[in-house]
C-alpha atoms as a PDB file:
ATOM      1  CA  MET A   1     126.968  10.399  36.154  1.00  0.00           C
ATOM      2  CA  HIS A   2     127.142  13.519  38.270  1.00  0.00           C
ATOM      3  CA  ARG A   3     126.719  11.514  41.470  1.00  0.00           C
ATOM      4  CA  SER A   4     129.513   9.143  40.389  1.00  0.00           C
ATOM      5  CA  GLY A   5     131.901  12.057  39.787  1.00  0.00           C
ATOM      6  CA  ALA A   6     131.000  13.579  43.148  1.00  0.00           C
ATOM      7  CA  ALA A   7     131.618  10.248  44.898  1.00  0.00           C
ATOM      8  CA  MET A   8     135.007   9.915  43.214  1.00  0.00           C
ATOM      9  CA  ALA A   9     135.986  13.452  44.254  1.00  0.00           C
ATOM     10  CA  TRP A  10     134.885  12.678  47.819  1.00  0.00           C
ATOM     11  CA  ASN A  11     136.930   9.465  47.876  1.00  0.00           C
ATOM     12  CA  VAL A  12     139.999  11.303  46.640  1.00  0.00           C
ATOM     13  CA  PHE A  13     139.473  13.964  49.293  1.00  0.00           C
ATOM     14  CA  LYS A  14     139.221  11.338  52.035  1.00  0.00           C
ATOM     15  CA  PHE A  15     142.326   9.596  50.687  1.00  0.00           C
ATOM     16  CA  CYS A  16     144.350  12.833  50.746  1.00  0.00           C
ATOM     17  CA  THR A  17     143.074  13.607  54.254  1.00  0.00           C
ATOM     18  CA  ALA A  18     144.137  10.146  55.401  1.00  0.00           C
ATOM     19  CA  LEU A  19     147.636  10.677  53.994  1.00  0.00           C
ATOM     20  CA  ARG A  20     147.935  13.955  55.904  1.00  0.00           C
ATOM     21  CA  GLY A  21     146.895  12.148  59.062  1.00  0.00           C
ATOM     22  CA  LEU A  22     149.742   9.634  58.758  1.00  0.00           C
ATOM     23  CA  GLY A  23     152.205  12.421  59.586  1.00  0.00           C
ATOM     24  CA  SER A  24     153.920  11.705  62.877  1.00  0.00           C
ATOM     25  CA  ILE A  25     152.927   8.017  62.680  1.00  0.00           C
ATOM     26  CA  MET A  26     155.235   7.449  59.707  1.00  0.00           C
ATOM     27  CA  ILE A  27     158.083   9.338  61.383  1.00  0.00           C
ATOM     28  CA  LEU A  28     157.631   7.239  64.514  1.00  0.00           C
ATOM     29  CA  LEU A  29     157.594   4.099  62.362  1.00  0.00           C
ATOM     30  CA  VAL A  30     160.921   5.052  60.770  1.00  0.00           C
ATOM     31  CA  LEU A  31     162.427   5.820  64.174  1.00  0.00           C
ATOM     32  CA  GLY A  32     161.015   2.535  65.472  1.00  0.00           C
ATOM     33  CA  VAL A  33     162.815   0.559  62.752  1.00  0.00           C
ATOM     34  CA  VAL A  34     166.008   2.473  63.533  1.00  0.00           C
ATOM     35  CA  GLY A  35     165.575   1.720  67.248  1.00  0.00           C
ATOM     36  CA  VAL A  36     165.053  -2.022  66.714  1.00  0.00           C
ATOM     37  CA  THR A  37     168.076  -2.131  64.405  1.00  0.00           C
ATOM     38  CA  TYR A  38     170.243  -0.215  66.865  1.00  0.00           C
ATOM     39  CA  TYR A  39     169.272  -2.530  69.704  1.00  0.00           C
ATOM     40  CA  ALA A  40     170.009  -5.643  67.649  1.00  0.00           C
ATOM     41  CA  VAL A  41     173.333  -4.481  66.189  1.00  0.00           C
ATOM     42  CA  VAL A  42     174.879  -2.382  68.945  1.00  0.00           C
ATOM     43  CA  LEU A  43     173.384  -3.489  72.254  1.00  0.00           C
ATOM     44  CA  THR A  44     172.748  -7.166  71.571  1.00  0.00           C
ATOM     45  CA  ASN A  45     175.465  -8.411  69.220  1.00  0.00           C
ATOM     46  CA  TYR A  46     178.416  -6.199  68.295  1.00  0.00           C
ATOM     47  CA  GLY A  47     178.623  -4.038  71.392  1.00  0.00           C
ATOM     48  CA  PRO A  48     179.213  -6.960  73.770  1.00  0.00           C
ATOM     49  CA  ALA A  49     181.584  -8.542  71.215  1.00  0.00           C
ATOM     50  CA  LEU A  50     184.016  -5.672  71.794  1.00  0.00           C
ATOM     51  CA  LEU A  51     184.919  -7.294  75.120  1.00  0.00           C
ATOM     52  CA  LEU A  52     185.894 -10.639  73.576  1.00  0.00           C
ATOM     53  CA  GLY A  53     189.293  -9.452  72.394  1.00  0.00           C
ATOM     54  CA  GLY A  54     191.257 -10.494  69.366  1.00  0.00           C
ATOM     55  CA  LEU A  55     189.856 -10.518  65.840  1.00  0.00           C
ATOM     56  CA  ASP A  56     186.258 -10.467  67.081  1.00  0.00           C
ATOM     57  CA  SER A  57     186.832  -7.126  68.793  1.00  0.00           C
ATOM     58  CA  LEU A  58     188.404  -5.597  65.674  1.00  0.00           C
ATOM     59  CA  THR A  59     185.552  -6.842  63.497  1.00  0.00           C
ATOM     60  CA  SER A  60     182.972  -5.504  65.933  1.00  0.00           C
ATOM     61  CA  LEU A  61     184.720  -2.146  66.138  1.00  0.00           C
ATOM     62  CA  ALA A  62     184.773  -1.808  62.343  1.00  0.00           C
ATOM     63  CA  VAL A  63     181.082  -2.722  62.063  1.00  0.00           C
ATOM     64  CA  LEU A  64     180.087  -0.274  64.803  1.00  0.00           C
ATOM     65  CA  ILE A  65     182.091   2.596  63.278  1.00  0.00           C
ATOM     66  CA  PHE A  66     180.556   2.159  59.833  1.00  0.00           C
ATOM     67  CA  PHE A  67     177.117   1.584  61.348  1.00  0.00           C
ATOM     68  CA  HIS A  68     177.140   4.825  63.343  1.00  0.00           C
ATOM     69  CA  CYS A  69     178.594   6.904  60.489  1.00  0.00           C
ATOM     70  CA  LEU A  70     175.926   5.717  58.073  1.00  0.00           C
ATOM     71  CA  LEU A  71     173.220   6.124  60.704  1.00  0.00           C
ATOM     72  CA  VAL A  72     174.167   9.769  61.279  1.00  0.00           C
ATOM     73  CA  MET A  73     174.069  10.505  57.532  1.00  0.00           C
ATOM     74  CA  LEU A  74     170.788   8.597  57.125  1.00  0.00           C
ATOM     75  CA  LEU A  75     169.030  10.517  59.901  1.00  0.00           C
ATOM     76  CA  TRP A  76     170.517  13.832  58.780  1.00  0.00           C
ATOM     77  CA  SER A  77     169.260  13.268  55.224  1.00  0.00           C
ATOM     78  CA  TYR A  78     165.887  11.998  56.423  1.00  0.00           C
ATOM     79  CA  PHE A  79     165.079  14.987  58.629  1.00  0.00           C
ATOM     80  CA  ALA A  80     166.418  17.329  55.944  1.00  0.00           C
ATOM     81  CA  VAL A  81     163.729  15.963  53.612  1.00  0.00           C
ATOM     82  CA  VAL A  82     161.070  16.114  56.327  1.00  0.00           C
ATOM     83  CA  PHE A  83     161.721  19.706  57.420  1.00  0.00           C
ATOM     84  CA  THR A  84     162.817  21.308  54.118  1.00  0.00           C
ATOM     85  CA  ASP A  85     160.027  22.915  52.142  1.00  0.00           C
ATOM     86  CA  PRO A  86     160.148  21.439  48.613  1.00  0.00           C
ATOM     87  CA  GLY A  87     159.483  24.852  47.118  1.00  0.00           C
ATOM     88  CA  ILE A  88     156.303  26.854  46.546  1.00  0.00           C
ATOM     89  CA  VAL A  89     155.333  29.433  43.937  1.00  0.00           C
ATOM     90  CA  PRO A  90     156.150  32.954  45.198  1.00  0.00           C
ATOM     91  CA  PRO A  91     153.119  35.229  45.711  1.00  0.00           C
ATOM     92  CA  ASN A  92     152.037  37.069  42.536  1.00  0.00           C
ATOM     93  CA  TRP A  93     154.650  35.207  40.502  1.00  0.00           C
ATOM     94  CA  SER A  94     154.563  35.872  36.766  1.00  0.00           C
ATOM     95  CA  PRO A  95     156.818  34.373  34.065  1.00  0.00           C
ATOM     96  CA  ALA A  96     159.284  36.743  32.467  1.00  0.00           C
ATOM     97  CA  VAL A  97     159.690  34.462  29.457  1.00  0.00           C
ATOM     98  CA  ASP A  98     157.081  32.758  27.355  1.00  0.00           C
ATOM     99  CA  GLU A  99     158.744  29.411  26.642  1.00  0.00           C
ATOM    100  CA  GLU A 100     156.253  28.456  23.945  1.00  0.00           C
ATOM    101  CA  ARG A 101     156.809  31.632  21.924  1.00  0.00           C
ATOM    102  CA  GLY A 102     160.444  32.048  22.878  1.00  0.00           C
ATOM    103  CA  GLU A 103     159.886  35.690  23.784  1.00  0.00           C
ATOM    104  CA  ALA A 104     161.636  37.507  26.596  1.00  0.00           C
ATOM    105  CA  ASP A 105     158.862  40.015  27.286  1.00  0.00           C
ATOM    106  CA  PRO A 106     156.801  39.614  30.462  1.00  0.00           C
ATOM    107  CA  LEU A 107     153.093  39.056  30.095  1.00  0.00           C
ATOM    108  CA  ASN A 108     151.054  42.245  30.248  1.00  0.00           C
ATOM    109  CA  GLU A 109     148.010  42.683  32.463  1.00  0.00           C
ATOM    110  CA  LEU A 110     145.562  41.928  29.621  1.00  0.00           C
ATOM    111  CA  GLU A 111     147.279  38.622  28.832  1.00  0.00           C
ATOM    112  CA  LEU A 112     147.269  37.656  32.503  1.00  0.00           C
ATOM    113  CA  SER A 113     143.579  38.517  32.776  1.00  0.00           C
ATOM    114  CA  ASN A 114     142.712  36.474  29.682  1.00  0.00           C
ATOM    115  CA  LEU A 115     144.741  33.535  30.977  1.00  0.00           C
ATOM    116  CA  GLN A 116     142.991  33.529  34.351  1.00  0.00           C
ATOM    117  CA  SER A 117     139.591  33.617  32.670  1.00  0.00           C
ATOM    118  CA  ASP A 118     140.592  30.763  30.350  1.00  0.00           C
ATOM    119  CA  PRO A 119     142.550  28.134  32.356  1.00  0.00           C
ATOM    120  CA  SER A 120     142.513  25.806  29.331  1.00  0.00           C
ATOM    121  CA  ASN A 121     145.059  28.054  27.619  1.00  0.00           C
ATOM    122  CA  GLN A 122     148.158  25.877  27.260  1.00  0.00           C
ATOM    123  CA  ARG A 123     150.575  28.693  26.370  1.00  0.00           C
ATOM    124  CA  ILE A 124     151.267  29.460  30.025  1.00  0.00           C
ATOM    125  CA  ARG A 125     150.513  26.918  32.761  1.00  0.00           C
ATOM    126  CA  TYR A 126     147.824  27.920  35.247  1.00  0.00           C
ATOM    127  CA  CYS A 127     146.615  26.066  38.364  1.00  0.00           C
ATOM    128  CA  ARG A 128     142.845  26.223  38.756  1.00  0.00           C
ATOM    129  CA  LYS A 129     143.037  24.917  42.333  1.00  0.00           C
ATOM    130  CA  CYS A 130     145.522  27.529  43.571  1.00  0.00           C
ATOM    131  CA  ASN A 131     144.280  30.213  41.144  1.00  0.00           C
ATOM    132  CA  GLN A 132     147.803  31.178  40.156  1.00  0.00           C
ATOM    133  CA  LEU A 133     150.311  30.803  37.366  1.00  0.00           C
ATOM    134  CA  LYS A 134     152.708  27.863  37.567  1.00  0.00           C
ATOM    135  CA  PRO A 135     156.424  27.940  36.696  1.00  0.00           C
ATOM    136  CA  ALA A 136     157.850  25.315  34.390  1.00  0.00           C
ATOM    137  CA  ARG A 137     158.000  21.804  35.914  1.00  0.00           C
ATOM    138  CA  CYS A 138     155.670  22.809  38.768  1.00  0.00           C
ATOM    139  CA  HIS A 139     152.727  20.581  39.737  1.00  0.00           C
ATOM    140  CA  HIS A 140     149.861  20.732  42.208  1.00  0.00           C
ATOM    141  CA  CYS A 141     149.959  18.276  45.127  1.00  0.00           C
ATOM    142  CA  SER A 142     146.507  17.156  46.249  1.00  0.00           C
ATOM    143  CA  VAL A 143     147.847  15.972  49.604  1.00  0.00           C
ATOM    144  CA  CYS A 144     149.640  19.211  50.508  1.00  0.00           C
ATOM    145  CA  GLY A 145     146.990  21.320  48.763  1.00  0.00           C
ATOM    146  CA  ARG A 146     149.473  23.572  46.951  1.00  0.00           C
ATOM    147  CA  CYS A 147     151.683  23.817  43.887  1.00  0.00           C
ATOM    148  CA  VAL A 148     155.187  22.400  44.384  1.00  0.00           C
ATOM    149  CA  LEU A 149     158.228  23.454  42.372  1.00  0.00           C
ATOM    150  CA  LYS A 150     159.643  20.608  40.252  1.00  0.00           C
ATOM    151  CA  MET A 151     157.439  18.170  42.124  1.00  0.00           C
ATOM    152  CA  ASP A 152     158.611  14.554  41.966  1.00  0.00           C
ATOM    153  CA  HIS A 153     156.036  12.899  44.226  1.00  0.00           C
ATOM    154  CA  HIS A 154     154.446  13.096  47.662  1.00  0.00           C
ATOM    155  CA  CYS A 155     156.246  10.662  49.956  1.00  0.00           C
ATOM    156  CA  VAL A 156     154.344   9.317  52.964  1.00  0.00           C
ATOM    157  CA  TRP A 157     157.610   8.109  54.546  1.00  0.00           C
ATOM    158  CA  VAL A 158     158.969  11.653  54.839  1.00  0.00           C
ATOM    159  CA  VAL A 159     155.519  13.242  55.343  1.00  0.00           C
ATOM    160  CA  ASN A 160     156.369  15.820  52.721  1.00  0.00           C
ATOM    161  CA  CYS A 161     156.474  16.478  49.010  1.00  0.00           C
ATOM    162  CA  VAL A 162     159.737  15.778  47.230  1.00  0.00           C
ATOM    163  CA  GLY A 163     160.480  18.762  45.022  1.00  0.00           C
ATOM    164  CA  ALA A 164     163.124  21.194  43.829  1.00  0.00           C
ATOM    165  CA  LEU A 165     164.524  22.199  47.220  1.00  0.00           C
ATOM    166  CA  ASN A 166     164.701  18.777  48.892  1.00  0.00           C
ATOM    167  CA  TYR A 167     165.104  16.293  46.027  1.00  0.00           C
ATOM    168  CA  LYS A 168     168.847  15.949  46.652  1.00  0.00           C
ATOM    169  CA  TYR A 169     168.182  15.242  50.322  1.00  0.00           C
ATOM    170  CA  PHE A 170     165.677  12.553  49.352  1.00  0.00           C
ATOM    171  CA  LEU A 171     168.208  10.877  47.058  1.00  0.00           C
ATOM    172  CA  LEU A 172     170.827  10.929  49.810  1.00  0.00           C
ATOM    173  CA  PHE A 173     168.276   9.451  52.200  1.00  0.00           C
ATOM    174  CA  LEU A 174     167.741   6.561  49.767  1.00  0.00           C
ATOM    175  CA  PHE A 175     171.493   6.181  49.271  1.00  0.00           C
ATOM    176  CA  TYR A 176     172.405   6.043  52.960  1.00  0.00           C
ATOM    177  CA  THR A 177     169.376   3.879  53.761  1.00  0.00           C
ATOM    178  CA  PHE A 178     170.536   1.332  51.196  1.00  0.00           C
ATOM    179  CA  LEU A 179     174.100   1.325  52.554  1.00  0.00           C
ATOM    180  CA  GLU A 180     172.944   1.106  56.175  1.00  0.00           C
ATOM    181  CA  THR A 181     170.393  -1.648  55.647  1.00  0.00           C
ATOM    182  CA  THR A 182     172.850  -3.627  53.521  1.00  0.00           C
ATOM    183  CA  LEU A 183     175.510  -3.343  56.232  1.00  0.00           C
ATOM    184  CA  VAL A 184     173.040  -4.457  58.906  1.00  0.00           C
ATOM    185  CA  THR A 185     171.821  -7.371  56.787  1.00  0.00           C
ATOM    186  CA  ILE A 186     175.364  -8.634  56.174  1.00  0.00           C
ATOM    187  CA  SER A 187     176.463  -8.116  59.781  1.00  0.00           C
ATOM    188  CA  LEU A 188     173.424  -9.911  61.217  1.00  0.00           C
ATOM    189  CA  LEU A 189     173.519 -12.759  58.703  1.00  0.00           C
ATOM    190  CA  PRO A 190     175.829 -14.978  60.843  1.00  0.00           C
ATOM    191  CA  HIS A 191     173.545 -14.456  63.848  1.00  0.00           C
ATOM    192  CA  PHE A 192     170.502 -15.178  61.686  1.00  0.00           C
ATOM    193  CA  LYS A 193     172.048 -18.481  60.553  1.00  0.00           C
ATOM    194  CA  THR A 194     172.295 -19.665  64.147  1.00  0.00           C
ATOM    195  CA  PHE A 195     168.528 -20.044  64.190  1.00  0.00           C
ATOM    196  CA  PHE A 196     168.902 -22.940  61.761  1.00  0.00           C
ATOM    197  CA  SER A 197     171.944 -24.561  63.355  1.00  0.00           C
ATOM    198  CA  ASP A 198     171.908 -27.645  65.573  1.00  0.00           C
ATOM    199  CA  GLY A 199     174.046 -26.034  68.263  1.00  0.00           C
ATOM    200  CA  GLU A 200     172.952 -23.990  71.244  1.00  0.00           C
ATOM    201  CA  ILE A 201     171.639 -20.549  70.346  1.00  0.00           C
ATOM    202  CA  PRO A 202     173.111 -17.830  72.588  1.00  0.00           C
ATOM    203  CA  GLY A 203     170.991 -15.035  74.037  1.00  0.00           C
ATOM    204  CA  THR A 204     167.567 -14.647  75.558  1.00  0.00           C
ATOM    205  CA  PRO A 205     164.328 -15.162  73.602  1.00  0.00           C
ATOM    206  CA  GLY A 206     163.864 -11.383  73.530  1.00  0.00           C
ATOM    207  CA  THR A 207     167.297 -10.647  72.024  1.00  0.00           C
ATOM    208  CA  LEU A 208     166.893 -13.494  69.545  1.00  0.00           C
ATOM    209  CA  ALA A 209     163.509 -12.184  68.413  1.00  0.00           C
ATOM    210  CA  THR A 210     164.924  -8.652  68.041  1.00  0.00           C
ATOM    211  CA  THR A 211     167.850  -9.906  65.963  1.00  0.00           C
ATOM    212  CA  LEU A 212     165.525 -11.878  63.697  1.00  0.00           C
ATOM    213  CA  LEU A 213     163.161  -8.924  63.288  1.00  0.00           C
ATOM    214  CA  ALA A 214     166.015  -6.505  62.549  1.00  0.00           C
ATOM    215  CA  PHE A 215     167.490  -8.857  59.949  1.00  0.00           C
ATOM    216  CA  VAL A 216     164.187  -9.350  58.112  1.00  0.00           C
ATOM    217  CA  LEU A 217     163.296  -5.626  58.175  1.00  0.00           C
ATOM    218  CA  ASN A 218     166.698  -4.486  56.932  1.00  0.00           C
ATOM    219  CA  LEU A 219     166.812  -7.118  54.198  1.00  0.00           C
ATOM    220  CA  ALA A 220     163.378  -6.026  52.967  1.00  0.00           C
ATOM    221  CA  PHE A 221     164.282  -2.329  53.059  1.00  0.00           C
ATOM    222  CA  SER A 222     167.621  -2.939  51.357  1.00  0.00           C
ATOM    223  CA  LEU A 223     166.022  -4.699  48.388  1.00  0.00           C
ATOM    224  CA  SER A 224     163.130  -2.261  48.025  1.00  0.00           C
ATOM    225  CA  VAL A 225     165.239   0.890  48.411  1.00  0.00           C
ATOM    226  CA  LEU A 226     167.694  -0.409  45.805  1.00  0.00           C
ATOM    227  CA  GLY A 227     164.905  -0.404  43.228  1.00  0.00           C
ATOM    228  CA  PHE A 228     163.893   3.182  44.071  1.00  0.00           C
ATOM    229  CA  LEU A 229     167.516   4.311  44.074  1.00  0.00           C
ATOM    230  CA  VAL A 230     168.209   2.878  40.612  1.00  0.00           C
ATOM    231  CA  MET A 231     165.019   4.462  39.280  1.00  0.00           C
ATOM    232  CA  HIS A 232     165.848   7.915  40.634  1.00  0.00           C
ATOM    233  CA  ILE A 233     169.445   7.739  39.394  1.00  0.00           C
ATOM    234  CA  SER A 234     168.070   7.196  35.891  1.00  0.00           C
ATOM    235  CA  LEU A 235     165.689  10.135  36.379  1.00  0.00           C
ATOM    236  CA  VAL A 236     168.539  12.422  37.448  1.00  0.00           C
ATOM    237  CA  ALA A 237     170.618  11.307  34.463  1.00  0.00           C
ATOM    238  CA  ALA A 238     167.791  12.362  32.136  1.00  0.00           C
ATOM    239  CA  ASN A 239     166.940  15.525  34.149  1.00  0.00           C
ATOM    240  CA  THR A 240     163.354  14.509  34.713  1.00  0.00           C
ATOM    241  CA  THR A 241     161.048  13.719  37.623  1.00  0.00           C
ATOM    242  CA  THR A 242     158.720  10.833  38.322  1.00  0.00           C
ATOM    243  CA  ILE A 243     155.715  12.898  37.191  1.00  0.00           C
ATOM    244  CA  GLU A 244     157.497  14.180  34.069  1.00  0.00           C
ATOM    245  CA  ALA A 245     158.704  10.690  33.144  1.00  0.00           C
ATOM    246  CA  TYR A 246     155.083   9.570  33.124  1.00  0.00           C
ATOM    247  CA  GLU A 247     153.791  12.631  31.262  1.00  0.00           C
ATOM    248  CA  LYS A 248     156.376  12.552  28.448  1.00  0.00           C
ATOM    249  CA  LYS A 249     155.966   8.898  27.488  1.00  0.00           C
ATOM    250  CA  THR A 250     154.973   9.935  23.961  1.00  0.00           C
ATOM    251  CA  THR A 251     157.604  12.681  23.720  1.00  0.00           C
ATOM    252  CA  PRO A 252     160.837  11.402  22.131  1.00  0.00           C
ATOM    253  CA  LYS A 253     162.854  14.503  23.101  1.00  0.00           C
ATOM    254  CA  TRP A 254     163.090  16.325  26.417  1.00  0.00           C
ATOM    255  CA  ARG A 255     163.981  19.998  26.433  1.00  0.00           C
ATOM    256  CA  TYR A 256     165.678  19.937  29.858  1.00  0.00           C
ATOM    257  CA  ASP A 257     168.059  17.049  29.136  1.00  0.00           C
ATOM    258  CA  LEU A 258     171.411  18.867  28.925  1.00  0.00           C
ATOM    259  CA  GLY A 259     173.654  15.836  29.308  1.00  0.00           C
ATOM    260  CA  GLN A 260     174.333  13.672  32.341  1.00  0.00           C
ATOM    261  CA  ARG A 261     176.942  15.952  33.927  1.00  0.00           C
ATOM    262  CA  LYS A 262     174.853  19.141  33.779  1.00  0.00           C
ATOM    263  CA  ASN A 263     171.743  17.210  34.760  1.00  0.00           C
ATOM    264  CA  PHE A 264     173.564  15.905  37.840  1.00  0.00           C
ATOM    265  CA  GLU A 265     174.764  19.400  38.778  1.00  0.00           C
ATOM    266  CA  GLN A 266     171.195  20.741  38.688  1.00  0.00           C
ATOM    267  CA  VAL A 267     170.375  18.408  41.577  1.00  0.00           C
ATOM    268  CA  PHE A 268     173.627  17.997  43.520  1.00  0.00           C
ATOM    269  CA  GLY A 269     175.445  21.244  42.653  1.00  0.00           C
ATOM    270  CA  MET A 270     178.959  21.720  41.328  1.00  0.00           C
ATOM    271  CA  ASP A 271     180.839  21.736  44.634  1.00  0.00           C
ATOM    272  CA  LYS A 272     182.058  18.165  45.169  1.00  0.00           C
ATOM    273  CA  ARG A 273     182.464  18.743  48.901  1.00  0.00           C
ATOM    274  CA  TYR A 274     178.671  18.942  49.235  1.00  0.00           C
ATOM    275  CA  TRP A 275     177.672  16.053  46.999  1.00  0.00           C
ATOM    276  CA  PHE A 276     177.246  13.548  49.822  1.00  0.00           C
ATOM    277  CA  ILE A 277     175.744  15.806  52.491  1.00  0.00           C
ATOM    278  CA  PRO A 278     172.211  17.261  52.574  1.00  0.00           C
ATOM    279  CA  ALA A 279     173.272  20.865  52.027  1.00  0.00           C
ATOM    280  CA  TYR A 280     174.428  23.242  49.283  1.00  0.00           C
ATOM    281  CA  SER A 281     177.291  25.698  49.170  1.00  0.00           C
ATOM    282  CA  GLU A 282     176.318  29.374  48.924  1.00  0.00           C
ATOM    283  CA  GLU A 283     178.224  29.636  45.659  1.00  0.00           C
ATOM    284  CA  ASP A 284     176.222  26.805  44.088  1.00  0.00           C
ATOM    285  CA  ILE A 285     172.946  28.390  45.181  1.00  0.00           C
ATOM    286  CA  ARG A 286     174.054  31.658  43.613  1.00  0.00           C
ATOM    287  CA  ARG A 287     175.318  30.304  40.272  1.00  0.00           C
ATOM    288  CA  ILE A 288     172.790  27.504  39.622  1.00  0.00           C
ATOM    289  CA  PRO A 289     169.270  28.990  39.283  1.00  0.00           C
ATOM    290  CA  ALA A 290     167.784  25.505  38.914  1.00  0.00           C
ATOM    291  CA  LEU A 291     168.440  24.866  42.617  1.00  0.00           C
ATOM    292  CA  GLN A 292     165.828  27.532  43.399  1.00  0.00           C
ATOM    293  CA  GLY A 293     163.189  25.694  41.379  1.00  0.00           C
ATOM    294  CA  LEU A 294     161.904  28.590  39.244  1.00  0.00           C
ATOM    295  CA  GLU A 295     164.194  28.648  36.192  1.00  0.00           C
ATOM    296  CA  TYR A 296     165.581  25.726  34.221  1.00  0.00           C
ATOM    297  CA  PRO A 297     167.864  25.982  31.193  1.00  0.00           C
ATOM    298  CA  SER A 298     166.775  24.041  28.133  1.00  0.00           C
ATOM    299  CA  LYS A 299     168.509  22.874  24.981  1.00  0.00           C
ATOM    300  CA  PRO A 300     169.493  25.879  22.845  1.00  0.00           C
ATOM    301  CA  ASP A 301     168.253  24.232  19.639  1.00  0.00           C
ATOM    302  CA  PHE A 302     165.157  22.614  21.138  1.00  0.00           C
ATOM    303  CA  ASP A 303     162.581  24.927  19.535  1.00  0.00           C
ATOM    304  CA  SER A 304     164.177  24.528  16.107  1.00  0.00           C
ATOM    305  CA  GLN A 305     164.041  20.723  16.207  1.00  0.00           C
END
């Protein structure tokens, strides 16, 4: 039994190490898909169509404008997720409020000592791997090897954890990826149909293969990203994360569900000018503590229910 547990721990360790090693490979894969798509849409099909004149030129111009705008927002959101730390527990952090008891007094040194010697104590959350206290909604990531504030999941596509400080950027990445891939799929559909026509197919074998590959890739990404986007929209509406949604399956009520509007503001902020860009206004950061990942308001009457 002991050997089986050790083997399982070793397999998990190797799996986490393998995920860390993906790193730059996944980023290069994303950029590779973007490059193939750019070549097929701009250089092969709609760029040259600008010279045809008439309605074809206007259609091509409209497609290229929307394509480049969405591409800029997609890449901006993507690298914001990649390079933004999702949030870590500050050194020597200690809760000022015991949520289980509803008391506003900080833990004294004796309580902290007893908690560290007894990690099974459920009154305050404690990470045995990091040997530190954990704020509410914080979870340990085995891939990153640290506790992440309001951790949603570790995403191999962005080579980073998705947590409190970059969750909005991740959602925008999904949103702009869906719009971009849908636009590319629709715009390349007429060119894709020519493969099955009886007439002469324009272009070289290389450009035809690139167009076909770009169409298939973008169609696949569009459909798959739509599913993730719908799922995360429902999570935001309920003010929960992927991990929390799994953990609270048997819990009929959720203390952090303050209503859809307030739940949305805890992720996207209150300033509408910043809703669709991967950034926050200084005022939102100052007046919404939840954006920092350490404090989250809960229902006033939750403990009395």
